């Protein structure tokens, strides 16, 4: 009886979350003068190579520790004692992103699954200048190295053979370097500008606590699964005098091995189809579709589609998995053509015990 009450409370909480958060987002956008703008956008970039190859349509898929970046409920059935994933994203505009995630399932998951996640975004070196009344029209005041990172703690649990729930809490920080509040020219004996004196007391950094929530439901019809997730729920943050919201997003997805409906041998191959509908705060709704063919649980070929999208729509990827002596090893790669920008590539490694 007690488990039934807890189960009902979870369902009520998640139903309220699913119903209220998108409407809260729309209401806030209507009343905000800075319509449909968000910051800390690195939180919206897909990190895992497997997921990116599926166009990030992973809300209804059961995964491993990387599920914390998509739907934390996806790691509830870890299938082992621990899982470790690391990876790198070669993003557009020479931006580098890297991530690491660890999940631990004590007592065969009887107490749920605990996870830790970390992601880091390096925006590279940017030359800093200010306007000046000289022949160049500017003064060089050095360079800045903006970056951002998020550290998260996640928890997921399978409440029954059908329902799983999960949540993350994460500390997010972004540092855009030092802002120049005063720059005075230094003149040499001839009266020419030989340098600049900088008052660098203005530091452009902020931090915030954000939350992710998720639910997975095994329908009982073959392998059909339904998932829901809300990501980056947080208060409004401010840089100097400008305030903005985090990239809040609500996702609803379905996933299924369609070979369940055919005569194919499901022990040797599978064709997983995933579909997500995403309602973000800062751009129109999108549909994401992914297909993953797996042969002998070892070789995977993947393709994904996002629409509508301005510069990227199709993604591709390959994966290799090997299980030996109780240890699982995975290597994944994803490639996303990005129109007028540089193409995005992702690499991921996974170890399971």
C-alpha atoms as a PDB file:
ATOM      1  CA  UNK A   1       0.000   0.000   0.000  1.00  0.00           C
ATOM      2  CA  UNK A   2       2.819   2.385   0.874  1.00  0.00           C
ATOM      3  CA  UNK A   3       4.531   1.759  -2.482  1.00  0.00           C
ATOM      4  CA  UNK A   4       1.231   2.386  -4.232  1.00  0.00           C
ATOM      5  CA  UNK A   5       0.859   5.773  -2.522  1.00  0.00           C
ATOM      6  CA  UNK A   6       4.439   6.768  -3.394  1.00  0.00           C
ATOM      7  CA  UNK A   7       3.844   5.681  -6.969  1.00  0.00           C
ATOM      8  CA  UNK A   8       0.668   7.788  -7.179  1.00  0.00           C
ATOM      9  CA  UNK A   9       2.439  10.801  -5.736  1.00  0.00           C
ATOM     10  CA  UNK A  10       5.164  10.532  -8.365  1.00  0.00           C
ATOM     11  CA  UNK A  11       2.591  10.376 -11.124  1.00  0.00           C
ATOM     12  CA  UNK A  12       0.698  13.400  -9.804  1.00  0.00           C
ATOM     13  CA  UNK A  13       3.928  15.399  -9.463  1.00  0.00           C
ATOM     14  CA  UNK A  14       5.095  14.553 -12.967  1.00  0.00           C
ATOM     15  CA  UNK A  15       1.654  15.247 -14.455  1.00  0.00           C
ATOM     16  CA  UNK A  16       1.678  18.712 -12.870  1.00  0.00           C
ATOM     17  CA  UNK A  17       5.201  19.296 -14.140  1.00  0.00           C
ATOM     18  CA  UNK A  18       4.311  18.259 -17.684  1.00  0.00           C
ATOM     19  CA  UNK A  19       1.167  20.411 -17.694  1.00  0.00           C
ATOM     20  CA  UNK A  20       2.412  23.571 -16.018  1.00  0.00           C
ATOM     21  CA  UNK A  21       5.978  24.167 -17.160  1.00  0.00           C
ATOM     22  CA  UNK A  22       5.292  24.694 -20.888  1.00  0.00           C
ATOM     23  CA  UNK A  23       2.448  27.093 -20.073  1.00  0.00           C
ATOM     24  CA  UNK A  24       4.690  28.928 -17.611  1.00  0.00           C
ATOM     25  CA  UNK A  25       7.272  29.297 -20.368  1.00  0.00           C
ATOM     26  CA  UNK A  26       4.750  30.719 -22.831  1.00  0.00           C
ATOM     27  CA  UNK A  27       3.345  33.126 -20.252  1.00  0.00           C
ATOM     28  CA  UNK A  28       6.779  34.388 -19.358  1.00  0.00           C
ATOM     29  CA  UNK A  29       7.679  34.896 -23.021  1.00  0.00           C
ATOM     30  CA  UNK A  30       4.561  36.992 -23.574  1.00  0.00           C
ATOM     31  CA  UNK A  31       5.381  39.274 -20.669  1.00  0.00           C
ATOM     32  CA  UNK A  32       9.151  39.492 -21.174  1.00  0.00           C
ATOM     33  CA  UNK A  33      10.438  42.419 -23.223  1.00  0.00           C
ATOM     34  CA  UNK A  34      13.319  40.237 -24.438  1.00  0.00           C
ATOM     35  CA  UNK A  35      11.015  37.815 -26.210  1.00  0.00           C
ATOM     36  CA  UNK A  36      12.268  34.263 -26.772  1.00  0.00           C
ATOM     37  CA  UNK A  37      15.875  34.860 -25.710  1.00  0.00           C
ATOM     38  CA  UNK A  38      17.908  32.626 -23.428  1.00  0.00           C
ATOM     39  CA  UNK A  39      21.474  32.355 -22.230  1.00  0.00           C
ATOM     40  CA  UNK A  40      23.833  29.561 -21.143  1.00  0.00           C
ATOM     41  CA  UNK A  41      23.068  27.892 -24.459  1.00  0.00           C
ATOM     42  CA  UNK A  42      25.819  25.326 -24.010  1.00  0.00           C
ATOM     43  CA  UNK A  43      23.274  23.429 -21.904  1.00  0.00           C
ATOM     44  CA  UNK A  44      21.240  22.787 -25.074  1.00  0.00           C
ATOM     45  CA  UNK A  45      24.047  21.162 -27.065  1.00  0.00           C
ATOM     46  CA  UNK A  46      23.718  17.393 -27.361  1.00  0.00           C
ATOM     47  CA  UNK A  47      26.789  15.712 -25.928  1.00  0.00           C
ATOM     48  CA  UNK A  48      26.678  11.936 -26.456  1.00  0.00           C
ATOM     49  CA  UNK A  49      27.754  10.699 -29.896  1.00  0.00           C
ATOM     50  CA  UNK A  50      25.100   7.969 -29.958  1.00  0.00           C
ATOM     51  CA  UNK A  51      22.329  10.403 -29.072  1.00  0.00           C
ATOM     52  CA  UNK A  52      23.557  13.088 -31.487  1.00  0.00           C
ATOM     53  CA  UNK A  53      23.522  10.603 -34.369  1.00  0.00           C
ATOM     54  CA  UNK A  54      19.857  10.009 -33.513  1.00  0.00           C
ATOM     55  CA  UNK A  55      19.217  13.785 -33.658  1.00  0.00           C
ATOM     56  CA  UNK A  56      19.090  13.782 -29.826  1.00  0.00           C
ATOM     57  CA  UNK A  57      15.767  11.900 -29.996  1.00  0.00           C
ATOM     58  CA  UNK A  58      16.536   9.986 -26.815  1.00  0.00           C
ATOM     59  CA  UNK A  59      13.833  10.979 -24.344  1.00  0.00           C
ATOM     60  CA  UNK A  60      12.084   7.583 -24.416  1.00  0.00           C
ATOM     61  CA  UNK A  61      15.226   5.433 -24.638  1.00  0.00           C
ATOM     62  CA  UNK A  62      16.802   3.555 -21.778  1.00  0.00           C
ATOM     63  CA  UNK A  63      20.499   4.236 -21.717  1.00  0.00           C
ATOM     64  CA  UNK A  64      23.345   4.596 -19.253  1.00  0.00           C
ATOM     65  CA  UNK A  65      24.973   7.438 -17.343  1.00  0.00           C
ATOM     66  CA  UNK A  66      24.726   9.787 -20.359  1.00  0.00           C
ATOM     67  CA  UNK A  67      20.933   9.713 -19.917  1.00  0.00           C
ATOM     68  CA  UNK A  68      21.442  12.433 -17.300  1.00  0.00           C
ATOM     69  CA  UNK A  69      21.968  14.859 -20.199  1.00  0.00           C
ATOM     70  CA  UNK A  70      18.669  13.847 -21.872  1.00  0.00           C
ATOM     71  CA  UNK A  71      16.201  12.135 -19.543  1.00  0.00           C
ATOM     72  CA  UNK A  72      17.579  11.155 -16.128  1.00  0.00           C
ATOM     73  CA  UNK A  73      14.964   8.397 -15.802  1.00  0.00           C
ATOM     74  CA  UNK A  74      16.797   6.580 -18.600  1.00  0.00           C
ATOM     75  CA  UNK A  75      19.540   5.375 -16.257  1.00  0.00           C
ATOM     76  CA  UNK A  76      17.104   3.746 -13.779  1.00  0.00           C
ATOM     77  CA  UNK A  77      17.755   0.266 -15.208  1.00  0.00           C
ATOM     78  CA  UNK A  78      21.511   0.462 -15.470  1.00  0.00           C
ATOM     79  CA  UNK A  79      22.067  -3.260 -15.953  1.00  0.00           C
ATOM     80  CA  UNK A  80      25.319  -3.335 -13.982  1.00  0.00           C
ATOM     81  CA  UNK A  81      27.096  -1.985 -10.951  1.00  0.00           C
ATOM     82  CA  UNK A  82      28.595   1.122 -12.569  1.00  0.00           C
ATOM     83  CA  UNK A  83      28.822   2.980 -15.866  1.00  0.00           C
ATOM     84  CA  UNK A  84      31.358   5.583 -16.978  1.00  0.00           C
ATOM     85  CA  UNK A  85      31.053   7.708 -20.123  1.00  0.00           C
ATOM     86  CA  UNK A  86      33.345  10.415 -21.479  1.00  0.00           C
ATOM     87  CA  UNK A  87      33.282  12.345 -24.725  1.00  0.00           C
ATOM     88  CA  UNK A  88      34.113  15.440 -26.716  1.00  0.00           C
ATOM     89  CA  UNK A  89      32.115  17.640 -29.069  1.00  0.00           C
ATOM     90  CA  UNK A  90      33.848  19.620 -31.823  1.00  0.00           C
ATOM     91  CA  UNK A  91      31.114  22.240 -32.103  1.00  0.00           C
ATOM     92  CA  UNK A  92      30.641  25.114 -34.522  1.00  0.00           C
ATOM     93  CA  UNK A  93      32.829  28.271 -34.421  1.00  0.00           C
ATOM     94  CA  UNK A  94      35.757  26.228 -33.006  1.00  0.00           C
ATOM     95  CA  UNK A  95      33.898  25.723 -29.721  1.00  0.00           C
ATOM     96  CA  UNK A  96      34.960  22.598 -27.841  1.00  0.00           C
ATOM     97  CA  UNK A  97      32.698  20.798 -25.414  1.00  0.00           C
ATOM     98  CA  UNK A  98      33.598  17.834 -23.261  1.00  0.00           C
ATOM     99  CA  UNK A  99      31.662  15.756 -20.771  1.00  0.00           C
ATOM    100  CA  UNK A 100      31.939  12.940 -18.264  1.00  0.00           C
ATOM    101  CA  UNK A 101      29.234  10.984 -16.474  1.00  0.00           C
ATOM    102  CA  UNK A 102      29.287   8.249 -13.860  1.00  0.00           C
ATOM    103  CA  UNK A 103      26.355   6.166 -12.619  1.00  0.00           C
ATOM    104  CA  UNK A 104      26.367   3.720  -9.709  1.00  0.00           C
ATOM    105  CA  UNK A 105      23.682   1.149  -8.941  1.00  0.00           C
ATOM    106  CA  UNK A 106      24.152  -0.245  -5.413  1.00  0.00           C
ATOM    107  CA  UNK A 107      22.392  -3.430  -4.313  1.00  0.00           C
ATOM    108  CA  UNK A 108      21.384  -4.287  -7.888  1.00  0.00           C
ATOM    109  CA  UNK A 109      19.339  -1.115  -8.137  1.00  0.00           C
ATOM    110  CA  UNK A 110      17.153  -1.774  -5.083  1.00  0.00           C
ATOM    111  CA  UNK A 111      17.932   1.742  -3.859  1.00  0.00           C
ATOM    112  CA  UNK A 112      17.920   3.372  -7.263  1.00  0.00           C
ATOM    113  CA  UNK A 113      20.795   4.676  -9.364  1.00  0.00           C
ATOM    114  CA  UNK A 114      23.002   7.609  -8.365  1.00  0.00           C
ATOM    115  CA  UNK A 115      24.838   9.608 -10.999  1.00  0.00           C
ATOM    116  CA  UNK A 116      27.378  12.404 -11.343  1.00  0.00           C
ATOM    117  CA  UNK A 117      27.766  14.486 -14.490  1.00  0.00           C
ATOM    118  CA  UNK A 118      30.115  17.177 -15.718  1.00  0.00           C
ATOM    119  CA  UNK A 119      30.187  19.196 -18.923  1.00  0.00           C
ATOM    120  CA  UNK A 120      32.599  21.919 -19.959  1.00  0.00           C
ATOM    121  CA  UNK A 121      32.474  24.367 -22.848  1.00  0.00           C
ATOM    122  CA  UNK A 122      35.618  26.102 -24.098  1.00  0.00           C
ATOM    123  CA  UNK A 123      34.857  29.051 -26.393  1.00  0.00           C
ATOM    124  CA  UNK A 124      38.500  29.475 -27.343  1.00  0.00           C
ATOM    125  CA  UNK A 125      40.623  32.617 -27.254  1.00  0.00           C
ATOM    126  CA  UNK A 126      38.917  35.851 -28.256  1.00  0.00           C
ATOM    127  CA  UNK A 127      40.824  39.065 -28.924  1.00  0.00           C
ATOM    128  CA  UNK A 128      39.517  41.953 -26.844  1.00  0.00           C
ATOM    129  CA  UNK A 129      39.461  45.518 -28.180  1.00  0.00           C
ATOM    130  CA  UNK A 130      37.856  48.864 -27.332  1.00  0.00           C
ATOM    131  CA  UNK A 131      36.988  51.858 -29.487  1.00  0.00           C
ATOM    132  CA  UNK A 132      39.727  54.468 -29.704  1.00  0.00           C
ATOM    133  CA  UNK A 133      40.399  57.716 -31.533  1.00  0.00           C
ATOM    134  CA  UNK A 134      43.481  56.541 -33.432  1.00  0.00           C
ATOM    135  CA  UNK A 135      44.372  55.409 -36.941  1.00  0.00           C
ATOM    136  CA  UNK A 136      43.156  51.858 -36.293  1.00  0.00           C
ATOM    137  CA  UNK A 137      39.973  52.972 -34.566  1.00  0.00           C
ATOM    138  CA  UNK A 138      40.564  50.598 -31.650  1.00  0.00           C
ATOM    139  CA  UNK A 139      42.981  49.644 -28.909  1.00  0.00           C
ATOM    140  CA  UNK A 140      44.075  46.052 -28.292  1.00  0.00           C
ATOM    141  CA  UNK A 141      43.455  45.198 -24.632  1.00  0.00           C
ATOM    142  CA  UNK A 142      44.578  41.566 -24.714  1.00  0.00           C
ATOM    143  CA  UNK A 143      42.523  38.410 -25.021  1.00  0.00           C
ATOM    144  CA  UNK A 144      39.849  36.616 -23.036  1.00  0.00           C
ATOM    145  CA  UNK A 145      39.117  32.892 -22.631  1.00  0.00           C
ATOM    146  CA  UNK A 146      35.370  32.523 -21.994  1.00  0.00           C
ATOM    147  CA  UNK A 147      34.155  29.171 -20.728  1.00  0.00           C
ATOM    148  CA  UNK A 148      31.232  27.519 -19.010  1.00  0.00           C
ATOM    149  CA  UNK A 149      30.604  24.326 -17.068  1.00  0.00           C
ATOM    150  CA  UNK A 150      27.905  22.403 -15.223  1.00  0.00           C
ATOM    151  CA  UNK A 151      28.276  19.849 -12.432  1.00  0.00           C
ATOM    152  CA  UNK A 152      25.267  17.655 -11.716  1.00  0.00           C
ATOM    153  CA  UNK A 153      24.005  15.099  -9.221  1.00  0.00           C
ATOM    154  CA  UNK A 154      21.330  12.730 -10.498  1.00  0.00           C
ATOM    155  CA  UNK A 155      19.065  10.033  -9.120  1.00  0.00           C
ATOM    156  CA  UNK A 156      16.790   7.574 -10.903  1.00  0.00           C
ATOM    157  CA  UNK A 157      14.670   4.650  -9.805  1.00  0.00           C
ATOM    158  CA  UNK A 158      12.440   2.043 -11.387  1.00  0.00           C
ATOM    159  CA  UNK A 159       9.218   2.210  -9.373  1.00  0.00           C
ATOM    160  CA  UNK A 160       7.788  -0.866 -11.074  1.00  0.00           C
ATOM    161  CA  UNK A 161       8.439  -3.027 -14.113  1.00  0.00           C
ATOM    162  CA  UNK A 162       6.890  -0.238 -16.232  1.00  0.00           C
ATOM    163  CA  UNK A 163       7.572   3.131 -14.559  1.00  0.00           C
ATOM    164  CA  UNK A 164      10.921   4.846 -13.997  1.00  0.00           C
ATOM    165  CA  UNK A 165      11.554   8.356 -12.710  1.00  0.00           C
ATOM    166  CA  UNK A 166      14.664  10.488 -12.419  1.00  0.00           C
ATOM    167  CA  UNK A 167      15.933  13.964 -11.602  1.00  0.00           C
ATOM    168  CA  UNK A 168      19.130  16.029 -11.714  1.00  0.00           C
ATOM    169  CA  UNK A 169      20.257  19.054  -9.792  1.00  0.00           C
ATOM    170  CA  UNK A 170      23.194  20.902 -11.318  1.00  0.00           C
ATOM    171  CA  UNK A 171      25.411  23.842 -10.556  1.00  0.00           C
ATOM    172  CA  UNK A 172      25.966  25.927 -13.700  1.00  0.00           C
ATOM    173  CA  UNK A 173      28.613  28.618 -14.117  1.00  0.00           C
ATOM    174  CA  UNK A 174      29.668  30.751 -17.060  1.00  0.00           C
ATOM    175  CA  UNK A 175      32.695  33.050 -17.194  1.00  0.00           C
ATOM    176  CA  UNK A 176      32.980  35.493 -20.101  1.00  0.00           C
ATOM    177  CA  UNK A 177      36.292  36.901 -18.920  1.00  0.00           C
ATOM    178  CA  UNK A 178      37.178  40.332 -17.608  1.00  0.00           C
ATOM    179  CA  UNK A 179      35.257  43.346 -18.819  1.00  0.00           C
ATOM    180  CA  UNK A 180      37.242  46.532 -19.419  1.00  0.00           C
ATOM    181  CA  UNK A 181      35.744  49.345 -17.407  1.00  0.00           C
ATOM    182  CA  UNK A 182      38.565  51.819 -18.107  1.00  0.00           C
ATOM    183  CA  UNK A 183      41.399  51.840 -20.630  1.00  0.00           C
ATOM    184  CA  UNK A 184      43.815  54.780 -20.725  1.00  0.00           C
ATOM    185  CA  UNK A 185      46.413  55.110 -23.544  1.00  0.00           C
ATOM    186  CA  UNK A 186      50.075  55.029 -22.530  1.00  0.00           C
ATOM    187  CA  UNK A 187      52.098  57.494 -24.609  1.00  0.00           C
ATOM    188  CA  UNK A 188      55.761  57.097 -25.497  1.00  0.00           C
ATOM    189  CA  UNK A 189      58.078  60.160 -25.651  1.00  0.00           C
ATOM    190  CA  UNK A 190      57.035  60.869 -29.250  1.00  0.00           C
ATOM    191  CA  UNK A 191      53.368  61.080 -28.241  1.00  0.00           C
ATOM    192  CA  UNK A 192      52.406  57.799 -29.924  1.00  0.00           C
ATOM    193  CA  UNK A 193      50.281  55.201 -28.156  1.00  0.00           C
ATOM    194  CA  UNK A 194      52.613  52.470 -26.904  1.00  0.00           C
ATOM    195  CA  UNK A 195      50.201  50.533 -24.718  1.00  0.00           C
ATOM    196  CA  UNK A 196      47.109  50.709 -22.626  1.00  0.00           C
ATOM    197  CA  UNK A 197      46.404  50.838 -18.915  1.00  0.00           C
ATOM    198  CA  UNK A 198      43.383  48.701 -18.049  1.00  0.00           C
ATOM    199  CA  UNK A 199      41.066  48.701 -15.082  1.00  0.00           C
ATOM    200  CA  UNK A 200      40.001  45.038 -15.156  1.00  0.00           C
ATOM    201  CA  UNK A 201      37.860  44.955 -12.039  1.00  0.00           C
ATOM    202  CA  UNK A 202      34.681  44.073 -13.925  1.00  0.00           C
ATOM    203  CA  UNK A 203      34.366  40.266 -14.062  1.00  0.00           C
ATOM    204  CA  UNK A 204      31.588  38.860 -16.211  1.00  0.00           C
ATOM    205  CA  UNK A 205      30.696  35.599 -14.486  1.00  0.00           C
ATOM    206  CA  UNK A 206      27.517  34.134 -13.066  1.00  0.00           C
ATOM    207  CA  UNK A 207      26.249  30.895 -11.582  1.00  0.00           C
ATOM    208  CA  UNK A 208      22.865  29.308 -11.032  1.00  0.00           C
ATOM    209  CA  UNK A 209      21.250  26.078  -9.807  1.00  0.00           C
ATOM    210  CA  UNK A 210      19.175  24.241 -12.430  1.00  0.00           C
ATOM    211  CA  UNK A 211      17.007  21.109 -12.403  1.00  0.00           C
ATOM    212  CA  UNK A 212      16.047  18.319 -14.817  1.00  0.00           C
ATOM    213  CA  UNK A 213      13.133  15.899 -14.385  1.00  0.00           C
ATOM    214  CA  UNK A 214      12.149  12.806 -16.320  1.00  0.00           C
ATOM    215  CA  UNK A 215       9.776   9.860 -16.622  1.00  0.00           C
ATOM    216  CA  UNK A 216       9.848   6.618 -18.615  1.00  0.00           C
ATOM    217  CA  UNK A 217       6.887   4.300 -19.150  1.00  0.00           C
ATOM    218  CA  UNK A 218       7.057   0.836 -20.694  1.00  0.00           C
ATOM    219  CA  UNK A 219       3.655   0.428 -22.294  1.00  0.00           C
ATOM    220  CA  UNK A 220       3.667  -3.362 -22.329  1.00  0.00           C
ATOM    221  CA  UNK A 221       3.118  -3.432 -26.098  1.00  0.00           C
ATOM    222  CA  UNK A 222       6.253  -5.086 -27.442  1.00  0.00           C
ATOM    223  CA  UNK A 223       9.202  -2.738 -26.663  1.00  0.00           C
ATOM    224  CA  UNK A 224       7.220   0.496 -27.027  1.00  0.00           C
ATOM    225  CA  UNK A 225       8.340   3.082 -24.448  1.00  0.00           C
ATOM    226  CA  UNK A 226       7.096   6.603 -23.753  1.00  0.00           C
ATOM    227  CA  UNK A 227       9.268   9.249 -22.132  1.00  0.00           C
ATOM    228  CA  UNK A 228       8.882  12.803 -20.851  1.00  0.00           C
ATOM    229  CA  UNK A 229      11.563  15.206 -19.669  1.00  0.00           C
ATOM    230  CA  UNK A 230      11.943  18.813 -18.559  1.00  0.00           C
ATOM    231  CA  UNK A 231      15.467  20.226 -18.725  1.00  0.00           C
ATOM    232  CA  UNK A 232      17.175  23.380 -17.404  1.00  0.00           C
ATOM    233  CA  UNK A 233      14.451  24.581 -15.045  1.00  0.00           C
ATOM    234  CA  UNK A 234      15.925  27.516 -13.100  1.00  0.00           C
ATOM    235  CA  UNK A 235      15.443  31.076 -11.960  1.00  0.00           C
ATOM    236  CA  UNK A 236      16.234  34.085 -14.114  1.00  0.00           C
ATOM    237  CA  UNK A 237      19.877  35.156 -14.034  1.00  0.00           C
ATOM    238  CA  UNK A 238      21.567  38.515 -14.645  1.00  0.00           C
ATOM    239  CA  UNK A 239      24.772  39.744 -16.288  1.00  0.00           C
ATOM    240  CA  UNK A 240      25.421  43.279 -15.058  1.00  0.00           C
ATOM    241  CA  UNK A 241      22.042  44.867 -15.885  1.00  0.00           C
ATOM    242  CA  UNK A 242      20.787  42.347 -18.449  1.00  0.00           C
ATOM    243  CA  UNK A 243      18.677  39.396 -17.295  1.00  0.00           C
ATOM    244  CA  UNK A 244      17.711  36.240 -19.168  1.00  0.00           C
ATOM    245  CA  UNK A 245      16.346  32.726 -18.730  1.00  0.00           C
ATOM    246  CA  UNK A 246      18.050  29.368 -19.121  1.00  0.00           C
ATOM    247  CA  UNK A 247      17.146  27.261 -22.209  1.00  0.00           C
ATOM    248  CA  UNK A 248      14.205  25.477 -20.616  1.00  0.00           C
ATOM    249  CA  UNK A 249      12.881  22.645 -22.798  1.00  0.00           C
ATOM    250  CA  UNK A 250      10.037  20.158 -22.505  1.00  0.00           C
ATOM    251  CA  UNK A 251      10.342  16.889 -24.440  1.00  0.00           C
ATOM    252  CA  UNK A 252       7.905  14.069 -25.145  1.00  0.00           C
ATOM    253  CA  UNK A 253       9.196  10.960 -26.910  1.00  0.00           C
ATOM    254  CA  UNK A 254       8.463   7.402 -28.002  1.00  0.00           C
ATOM    255  CA  UNK A 255      10.883   4.586 -28.814  1.00  0.00           C
ATOM    256  CA  UNK A 256      10.539   1.052 -30.108  1.00  0.00           C
ATOM    257  CA  UNK A 257      12.454  -1.786 -31.753  1.00  0.00           C
ATOM    258  CA  UNK A 258      10.318  -2.124 -34.883  1.00  0.00           C
ATOM    259  CA  UNK A 259      11.731  -5.603 -35.546  1.00  0.00           C
ATOM    260  CA  UNK A 260       9.326  -6.648 -32.771  1.00  0.00           C
ATOM    261  CA  UNK A 261       6.619  -6.388 -35.424  1.00  0.00           C
ATOM    262  CA  UNK A 262       8.448  -8.540 -37.971  1.00  0.00           C
ATOM    263  CA  UNK A 263       9.928 -12.006 -38.281  1.00  0.00           C
ATOM    264  CA  UNK A 264      13.522 -10.831 -37.878  1.00  0.00           C
ATOM    265  CA  UNK A 265      15.631 -12.543 -35.245  1.00  0.00           C
ATOM    266  CA  UNK A 266      15.716  -9.968 -32.462  1.00  0.00           C
ATOM    267  CA  UNK A 267      18.583 -11.759 -30.721  1.00  0.00           C
ATOM    268  CA  UNK A 268      20.983 -10.895 -33.532  1.00  0.00           C
ATOM    269  CA  UNK A 269      19.689  -7.561 -34.834  1.00  0.00           C
ATOM    270  CA  UNK A 270      17.382  -4.705 -33.977  1.00  0.00           C
ATOM    271  CA  UNK A 271      16.081  -1.516 -35.550  1.00  0.00           C
ATOM    272  CA  UNK A 272      15.322   1.082 -32.899  1.00  0.00           C
ATOM    273  CA  UNK A 273      13.163   4.012 -33.949  1.00  0.00           C
ATOM    274  CA  UNK A 274      12.963   7.064 -31.683  1.00  0.00           C
ATOM    275  CA  UNK A 275      10.776  10.147 -32.067  1.00  0.00           C
ATOM    276  CA  UNK A 276      10.845  13.282 -29.890  1.00  0.00           C
ATOM    277  CA  UNK A 277       8.661  16.372 -29.888  1.00  0.00           C
ATOM    278  CA  UNK A 278      10.475  19.263 -28.201  1.00  0.00           C
ATOM    279  CA  UNK A 279       8.987  22.515 -26.929  1.00  0.00           C
ATOM    280  CA  UNK A 280      11.916  24.863 -26.125  1.00  0.00           C
ATOM    281  CA  UNK A 281      11.714  28.305 -24.611  1.00  0.00           C
ATOM    282  CA  UNK A 282      13.669  30.192 -27.255  1.00  0.00           C
ATOM    283  CA  UNK A 283      12.719  28.791 -30.666  1.00  0.00           C
ATOM    284  CA  UNK A 284       9.769  27.004 -32.346  1.00  0.00           C
ATOM    285  CA  UNK A 285       8.826  23.416 -31.600  1.00  0.00           C
ATOM    286  CA  UNK A 286      10.852  20.714 -33.324  1.00  0.00           C
ATOM    287  CA  UNK A 287      10.360  17.072 -34.258  1.00  0.00           C
ATOM    288  CA  UNK A 288      13.383  14.807 -33.914  1.00  0.00           C
ATOM    289  CA  UNK A 289      13.537  11.324 -35.445  1.00  0.00           C
ATOM    290  CA  UNK A 290      16.296   8.739 -35.077  1.00  0.00           C
ATOM    291  CA  UNK A 291      16.928   5.240 -36.420  1.00  0.00           C
ATOM    292  CA  UNK A 292      19.547   2.822 -35.068  1.00  0.00           C
ATOM    293  CA  UNK A 293      20.343  -0.547 -36.624  1.00  0.00           C
ATOM    294  CA  UNK A 294      22.267  -2.887 -34.322  1.00  0.00           C
ATOM    295  CA  UNK A 295      23.884  -6.140 -35.481  1.00  0.00           C
ATOM    296  CA  UNK A 296      24.907  -8.837 -32.980  1.00  0.00           C
ATOM    297  CA  UNK A 297      24.836  -6.260 -30.173  1.00  0.00           C
ATOM    298  CA  UNK A 298      28.203  -5.058 -31.494  1.00  0.00           C
ATOM    299  CA  UNK A 299      27.944  -2.854 -34.588  1.00  0.00           C
ATOM    300  CA  UNK A 300      25.518   0.083 -34.833  1.00  0.00           C
ATOM    301  CA  UNK A 301      24.629   2.379 -37.712  1.00  0.00           C
ATOM    302  CA  UNK A 302      22.572   5.478 -36.943  1.00  0.00           C
ATOM    303  CA  UNK A 303      20.846   8.353 -38.679  1.00  0.00           C
ATOM    304  CA  UNK A 304      18.739  11.232 -37.342  1.00  0.00           C
ATOM    305  CA  UNK A 305      16.630  14.113 -38.589  1.00  0.00           C
ATOM    306  CA  UNK A 306      15.568  17.411 -36.956  1.00  0.00           C
ATOM    307  CA  UNK A 307      12.930  19.746 -38.363  1.00  0.00           C
ATOM    308  CA  UNK A 308      12.368  22.559 -38.751  1.00  0.00           C
ATOM    309  CA  UNK A 309      15.989  23.698 -38.490  1.00  0.00           C
ATOM    310  CA  UNK A 310      17.945  26.457 -40.226  1.00  0.00           C
ATOM    311  CA  UNK A 311      21.404  24.992 -40.769  1.00  0.00           C
ATOM    312  CA  UNK A 312      21.378  21.361 -39.615  1.00  0.00           C
ATOM    313  CA  UNK A 313      18.816  18.633 -40.149  1.00  0.00           C
ATOM    314  CA  UNK A 314      20.561  15.292 -40.775  1.00  0.00           C
ATOM    315  CA  UNK A 315      22.997  13.489 -38.483  1.00  0.00           C
ATOM    316  CA  UNK A 316      24.930  10.254 -38.994  1.00  0.00           C
ATOM    317  CA  UNK A 317      26.831   7.957 -36.698  1.00  0.00           C
ATOM    318  CA  UNK A 318      28.489   4.614 -36.023  1.00  0.00           C
ATOM    319  CA  UNK A 319      28.994   2.626 -32.853  1.00  0.00           C
ATOM    320  CA  UNK A 320      31.000  -0.354 -31.660  1.00  0.00           C
ATOM    321  CA  UNK A 321      30.252  -2.334 -28.490  1.00  0.00           C
ATOM    322  CA  UNK A 322      32.107  -5.217 -26.904  1.00  0.00           C
ATOM    323  CA  UNK A 323      31.213  -7.231 -23.791  1.00  0.00           C
ATOM    324  CA  UNK A 324      33.889  -9.396 -22.217  1.00  0.00           C
ATOM    325  CA  UNK A 325      34.440 -10.827 -18.741  1.00  0.00           C
ATOM    326  CA  UNK A 326      31.669  -8.768 -17.170  1.00  0.00           C
ATOM    327  CA  UNK A 327      32.935  -5.514 -18.659  1.00  0.00           C
ATOM    328  CA  UNK A 328      31.303  -3.570 -21.470  1.00  0.00           C
ATOM    329  CA  UNK A 329      33.156  -1.210 -23.768  1.00  0.00           C
ATOM    330  CA  UNK A 330      31.571   1.194 -26.236  1.00  0.00           C
ATOM    331  CA  UNK A 331      32.946   3.604 -28.836  1.00  0.00           C
ATOM    332  CA  UNK A 332      30.631   5.974 -30.715  1.00  0.00           C
ATOM    333  CA  UNK A 333      31.031   8.632 -33.385  1.00  0.00           C
ATOM    334  CA  UNK A 334      28.538  11.164 -34.787  1.00  0.00           C
ATOM    335  CA  UNK A 335      28.769  13.632 -37.669  1.00  0.00           C
ATOM    336  CA  UNK A 336      26.387  16.567 -38.195  1.00  0.00           C
ATOM    337  CA  UNK A 337      26.631  18.778 -41.315  1.00  0.00           C
ATOM    338  CA  UNK A 338      25.999  22.357 -40.188  1.00  0.00           C
ATOM    339  CA  UNK A 339      25.391  24.430 -43.293  1.00  0.00           C
ATOM    340  CA  UNK A 340      27.421  27.625 -43.399  1.00  0.00           C
ATOM    341  CA  UNK A 341      29.133  26.704 -40.120  1.00  0.00           C
ATOM    342  CA  UNK A 342      31.845  24.139 -39.568  1.00  0.00           C
ATOM    343  CA  UNK A 343      30.491  20.595 -39.321  1.00  0.00           C
ATOM    344  CA  UNK A 344      30.038  19.177 -35.825  1.00  0.00           C
ATOM    345  CA  UNK A 345      31.689  15.932 -34.739  1.00  0.00           C
ATOM    346  CA  UNK A 346      31.308  13.955 -31.534  1.00  0.00           C
ATOM    347  CA  UNK A 347      33.320  11.148 -29.966  1.00  0.00           C
ATOM    348  CA  UNK A 348      32.238   9.088 -26.954  1.00  0.00           C
ATOM    349  CA  UNK A 349      33.739   6.260 -24.871  1.00  0.00           C
ATOM    350  CA  UNK A 350      31.799   4.113 -22.433  1.00  0.00           C
ATOM    351  CA  UNK A 351      32.781   1.543 -19.825  1.00  0.00           C
ATOM    352  CA  UNK A 352      30.285  -0.595 -17.906  1.00  0.00           C
ATOM    353  CA  UNK A 353      30.953  -2.973 -15.014  1.00  0.00           C
END
